């Protein structure tokens, strides 16, 4: 899997050079055998080729749609988690105060409690 942000053409060429050379050599061999040595059994009829091509196109299309649907669903779920996390942080900041406490706590201890709750939420994420 390629995980960098920029596609370097040199890396792509280095990665695909050997398969491309093998494919060109194989294709040249088939064309040479068919054209110059009259190996008629090498030709492929168009009907099965197009039938397989259409089937593969449908299969790849459905796979692409299902992959996109899974990605979109994940994006929606992650967006919900982000929104809930922001709400959670705002509630911690608003509710963990001395306003509703029976015995007031100093601000440094309140900040430590807020920090602990936020860090626990980050661990959950």
C-alpha atoms as a PDB file:
ATOM      1  CA  UNK A   1       0.000   0.000   0.000  1.00  0.00           C
ATOM      2  CA  UNK A   2       1.307   3.435  -0.940  1.00  0.00           C
ATOM      3  CA  UNK A   3       0.821   5.841   1.979  1.00  0.00           C
ATOM      4  CA  UNK A   4       2.732   8.957   0.935  1.00  0.00           C
ATOM      5  CA  UNK A   5       0.859  12.084  -0.123  1.00  0.00           C
ATOM      6  CA  UNK A   6       2.752  12.677  -3.391  1.00  0.00           C
ATOM      7  CA  UNK A   7       3.105  10.171  -6.232  1.00  0.00           C
ATOM      8  CA  UNK A   8       6.679  10.249  -7.445  1.00  0.00           C
ATOM      9  CA  UNK A   9       6.869   9.139 -11.122  1.00  0.00           C
ATOM     10  CA  UNK A  10      10.315   7.636 -10.578  1.00  0.00           C
ATOM     11  CA  UNK A  11       9.017   5.396  -7.775  1.00  0.00           C
ATOM     12  CA  UNK A  12       6.059   4.322  -9.911  1.00  0.00           C
ATOM     13  CA  UNK A  13       8.356   3.529 -12.846  1.00  0.00           C
ATOM     14  CA  UNK A  14      10.729   1.607 -10.566  1.00  0.00           C
ATOM     15  CA  UNK A  15       7.825  -0.368  -9.118  1.00  0.00           C
ATOM     16  CA  UNK A  16       6.251  -1.264 -12.473  1.00  0.00           C
ATOM     17  CA  UNK A  17       9.286  -1.544 -14.752  1.00  0.00           C
ATOM     18  CA  UNK A  18       9.840  -5.313 -14.488  1.00  0.00           C
ATOM     19  CA  UNK A  19       6.155  -6.279 -15.009  1.00  0.00           C
ATOM     20  CA  UNK A  20       5.928  -3.931 -18.014  1.00  0.00           C
ATOM     21  CA  UNK A  21       9.065  -5.437 -19.574  1.00  0.00           C
ATOM     22  CA  UNK A  22       7.745  -8.968 -19.023  1.00  0.00           C
ATOM     23  CA  UNK A  23       4.381  -8.019 -20.564  1.00  0.00           C
ATOM     24  CA  UNK A  24       6.034  -6.426 -23.606  1.00  0.00           C
ATOM     25  CA  UNK A  25       8.258  -9.477 -24.139  1.00  0.00           C
ATOM     26  CA  UNK A  26       5.293 -11.849 -23.797  1.00  0.00           C
ATOM     27  CA  UNK A  27       3.174  -9.779 -26.188  1.00  0.00           C
ATOM     28  CA  UNK A  28       6.001  -9.579 -28.726  1.00  0.00           C
ATOM     29  CA  UNK A  29       6.405 -13.374 -28.556  1.00  0.00           C
ATOM     30  CA  UNK A  30       2.676 -13.938 -29.156  1.00  0.00           C
ATOM     31  CA  UNK A  31       2.577 -11.447 -32.060  1.00  0.00           C
ATOM     32  CA  UNK A  32       5.696 -12.989 -33.604  1.00  0.00           C
ATOM     33  CA  UNK A  33       4.348 -16.534 -33.341  1.00  0.00           C
ATOM     34  CA  UNK A  34       0.968 -15.558 -34.778  1.00  0.00           C
ATOM     35  CA  UNK A  35       2.151 -13.218 -37.548  1.00  0.00           C
ATOM     36  CA  UNK A  36       5.342 -14.791 -38.813  1.00  0.00           C
ATOM     37  CA  UNK A  37       5.013 -18.477 -37.920  1.00  0.00           C
ATOM     38  CA  UNK A  38       1.275 -18.828 -38.698  1.00  0.00           C
ATOM     39  CA  UNK A  39       0.230 -20.249 -35.319  1.00  0.00           C
ATOM     40  CA  UNK A  40      -3.524 -19.843 -35.899  1.00  0.00           C
ATOM     41  CA  UNK A  41      -4.477 -21.486 -32.604  1.00  0.00           C
ATOM     42  CA  UNK A  42      -3.257 -18.368 -30.756  1.00  0.00           C
ATOM     43  CA  UNK A  43      -6.136 -16.182 -31.916  1.00  0.00           C
ATOM     44  CA  UNK A  44      -8.991 -15.574 -29.488  1.00  0.00           C
ATOM     45  CA  UNK A  45     -12.579 -15.032 -30.682  1.00  0.00           C
ATOM     46  CA  UNK A  46     -14.142 -11.676 -29.757  1.00  0.00           C
ATOM     47  CA  UNK A  47     -17.372 -12.975 -28.219  1.00  0.00           C
ATOM     48  CA  UNK A  48     -15.909 -14.671 -25.116  1.00  0.00           C
ATOM     49  CA  UNK A  49     -13.422 -11.850 -24.694  1.00  0.00           C
ATOM     50  CA  UNK A  50     -16.131  -9.167 -24.662  1.00  0.00           C
ATOM     51  CA  UNK A  51     -18.372 -11.290 -22.443  1.00  0.00           C
ATOM     52  CA  UNK A  52     -15.616 -11.695 -19.854  1.00  0.00           C
ATOM     53  CA  UNK A  53     -14.747  -7.989 -20.173  1.00  0.00           C
ATOM     54  CA  UNK A  54     -18.331  -6.942 -19.489  1.00  0.00           C
ATOM     55  CA  UNK A  55     -18.577  -9.299 -16.507  1.00  0.00           C
ATOM     56  CA  UNK A  56     -15.335  -7.966 -15.054  1.00  0.00           C
ATOM     57  CA  UNK A  57     -16.511  -4.377 -15.604  1.00  0.00           C
ATOM     58  CA  UNK A  58     -19.733  -5.047 -13.668  1.00  0.00           C
ATOM     59  CA  UNK A  59     -17.833  -6.813 -10.895  1.00  0.00           C
ATOM     60  CA  UNK A  60     -15.295  -4.001 -10.538  1.00  0.00           C
ATOM     61  CA  UNK A  61     -18.061  -1.390 -10.670  1.00  0.00           C
ATOM     62  CA  UNK A  62     -20.013  -3.036  -7.857  1.00  0.00           C
ATOM     63  CA  UNK A  63     -16.855  -3.475  -5.795  1.00  0.00           C
ATOM     64  CA  UNK A  64     -15.989   0.180  -6.318  1.00  0.00           C
ATOM     65  CA  UNK A  65     -19.458   1.289  -5.232  1.00  0.00           C
ATOM     66  CA  UNK A  66     -19.405  -0.888  -2.126  1.00  0.00           C
ATOM     67  CA  UNK A  67     -15.935   0.367  -1.193  1.00  0.00           C
ATOM     68  CA  UNK A  68     -17.097   3.972  -1.603  1.00  0.00           C
ATOM     69  CA  UNK A  69     -20.200   3.262   0.493  1.00  0.00           C
ATOM     70  CA  UNK A  70     -18.052   1.802   3.273  1.00  0.00           C
ATOM     71  CA  UNK A  71     -15.736   4.819   3.115  1.00  0.00           C
ATOM     72  CA  UNK A  72     -18.664   7.246   3.243  1.00  0.00           C
ATOM     73  CA  UNK A  73     -20.260   5.390   6.146  1.00  0.00           C
ATOM     74  CA  UNK A  74     -16.950   5.493   8.034  1.00  0.00           C
ATOM     75  CA  UNK A  75     -16.631   9.198   7.349  1.00  0.00           C
ATOM     76  CA  UNK A  76     -20.124   9.835   8.730  1.00  0.00           C
ATOM     77  CA  UNK A  77     -19.392   7.797  11.861  1.00  0.00           C
ATOM     78  CA  UNK A  78     -16.068   9.559  12.407  1.00  0.00           C
ATOM     79  CA  UNK A  79     -17.783  12.946  11.941  1.00  0.00           C
ATOM     80  CA  UNK A  80     -20.305  11.973  14.617  1.00  0.00           C
ATOM     81  CA  UNK A  81     -17.506  10.963  16.964  1.00  0.00           C
ATOM     82  CA  UNK A  82     -15.718  14.279  16.358  1.00  0.00           C
ATOM     83  CA  UNK A  83     -18.902  16.261  17.041  1.00  0.00           C
ATOM     84  CA  UNK A  84     -19.640  14.281  20.193  1.00  0.00           C
ATOM     85  CA  UNK A  85     -16.044  14.746  21.354  1.00  0.00           C
ATOM     86  CA  UNK A  86     -16.311  18.502  20.929  1.00  0.00           C
ATOM     87  CA  UNK A  87     -19.561  18.513  22.883  1.00  0.00           C
ATOM     88  CA  UNK A  88     -17.945  16.343  25.565  1.00  0.00           C
ATOM     89  CA  UNK A  89     -15.019  18.778  25.877  1.00  0.00           C
ATOM     90  CA  UNK A  90     -17.358  21.765  26.094  1.00  0.00           C
ATOM     91  CA  UNK A  91     -19.459  20.039  28.756  1.00  0.00           C
ATOM     92  CA  UNK A  92     -16.386  19.171  30.811  1.00  0.00           C
ATOM     93  CA  UNK A  93     -15.223  22.759  30.618  1.00  0.00           C
ATOM     94  CA  UNK A  94     -18.671  24.041  31.582  1.00  0.00           C
ATOM     95  CA  UNK A  95     -19.735  21.539  34.241  1.00  0.00           C
ATOM     96  CA  UNK A  96     -16.516  20.683  36.063  1.00  0.00           C
ATOM     97  CA  UNK A  97     -16.433  23.901  38.048  1.00  0.00           C
ATOM     98  CA  UNK A  98     -16.893  25.084  41.591  1.00  0.00           C
ATOM     99  CA  UNK A  99     -20.349  26.428  40.738  1.00  0.00           C
ATOM    100  CA  UNK A 100     -22.196  23.239  41.728  1.00  0.00           C
ATOM    101  CA  UNK A 101     -19.761  21.920  44.342  1.00  0.00           C
ATOM    102  CA  UNK A 102     -20.601  21.733  48.031  1.00  0.00           C
ATOM    103  CA  UNK A 103     -16.965  22.323  48.948  1.00  0.00           C
ATOM    104  CA  UNK A 104     -14.975  24.453  46.514  1.00  0.00           C
ATOM    105  CA  UNK A 105     -11.831  23.000  45.013  1.00  0.00           C
ATOM    106  CA  UNK A 106      -8.902  25.099  43.878  1.00  0.00           C
ATOM    107  CA  UNK A 107      -8.486  25.801  40.169  1.00  0.00           C
ATOM    108  CA  UNK A 108      -5.345  23.683  39.741  1.00  0.00           C
ATOM    109  CA  UNK A 109      -7.192  20.597  40.962  1.00  0.00           C
ATOM    110  CA  UNK A 110     -10.172  21.377  38.712  1.00  0.00           C
ATOM    111  CA  UNK A 111      -7.819  21.648  35.733  1.00  0.00           C
ATOM    112  CA  UNK A 112      -6.271  18.301  36.685  1.00  0.00           C
ATOM    113  CA  UNK A 113      -9.737  16.682  36.768  1.00  0.00           C
ATOM    114  CA  UNK A 114     -10.659  18.214  33.395  1.00  0.00           C
ATOM    115  CA  UNK A 115      -7.348  17.101  31.926  1.00  0.00           C
ATOM    116  CA  UNK A 116      -7.843  13.564  33.254  1.00  0.00           C
ATOM    117  CA  UNK A 117     -11.341  13.342  31.755  1.00  0.00           C
ATOM    118  CA  UNK A 118     -10.184  14.698  28.376  1.00  0.00           C
ATOM    119  CA  UNK A 119      -7.198  12.320  28.298  1.00  0.00           C
ATOM    120  CA  UNK A 120      -9.466   9.369  29.079  1.00  0.00           C
ATOM    121  CA  UNK A 121     -11.645  10.393  26.173  1.00  0.00           C
ATOM    122  CA  UNK A 122      -8.597  10.629  23.895  1.00  0.00           C
ATOM    123  CA  UNK A 123      -7.586   7.116  24.991  1.00  0.00           C
ATOM    124  CA  UNK A 124     -11.058   5.898  24.086  1.00  0.00           C
ATOM    125  CA  UNK A 125     -10.668   7.443  20.627  1.00  0.00           C
END
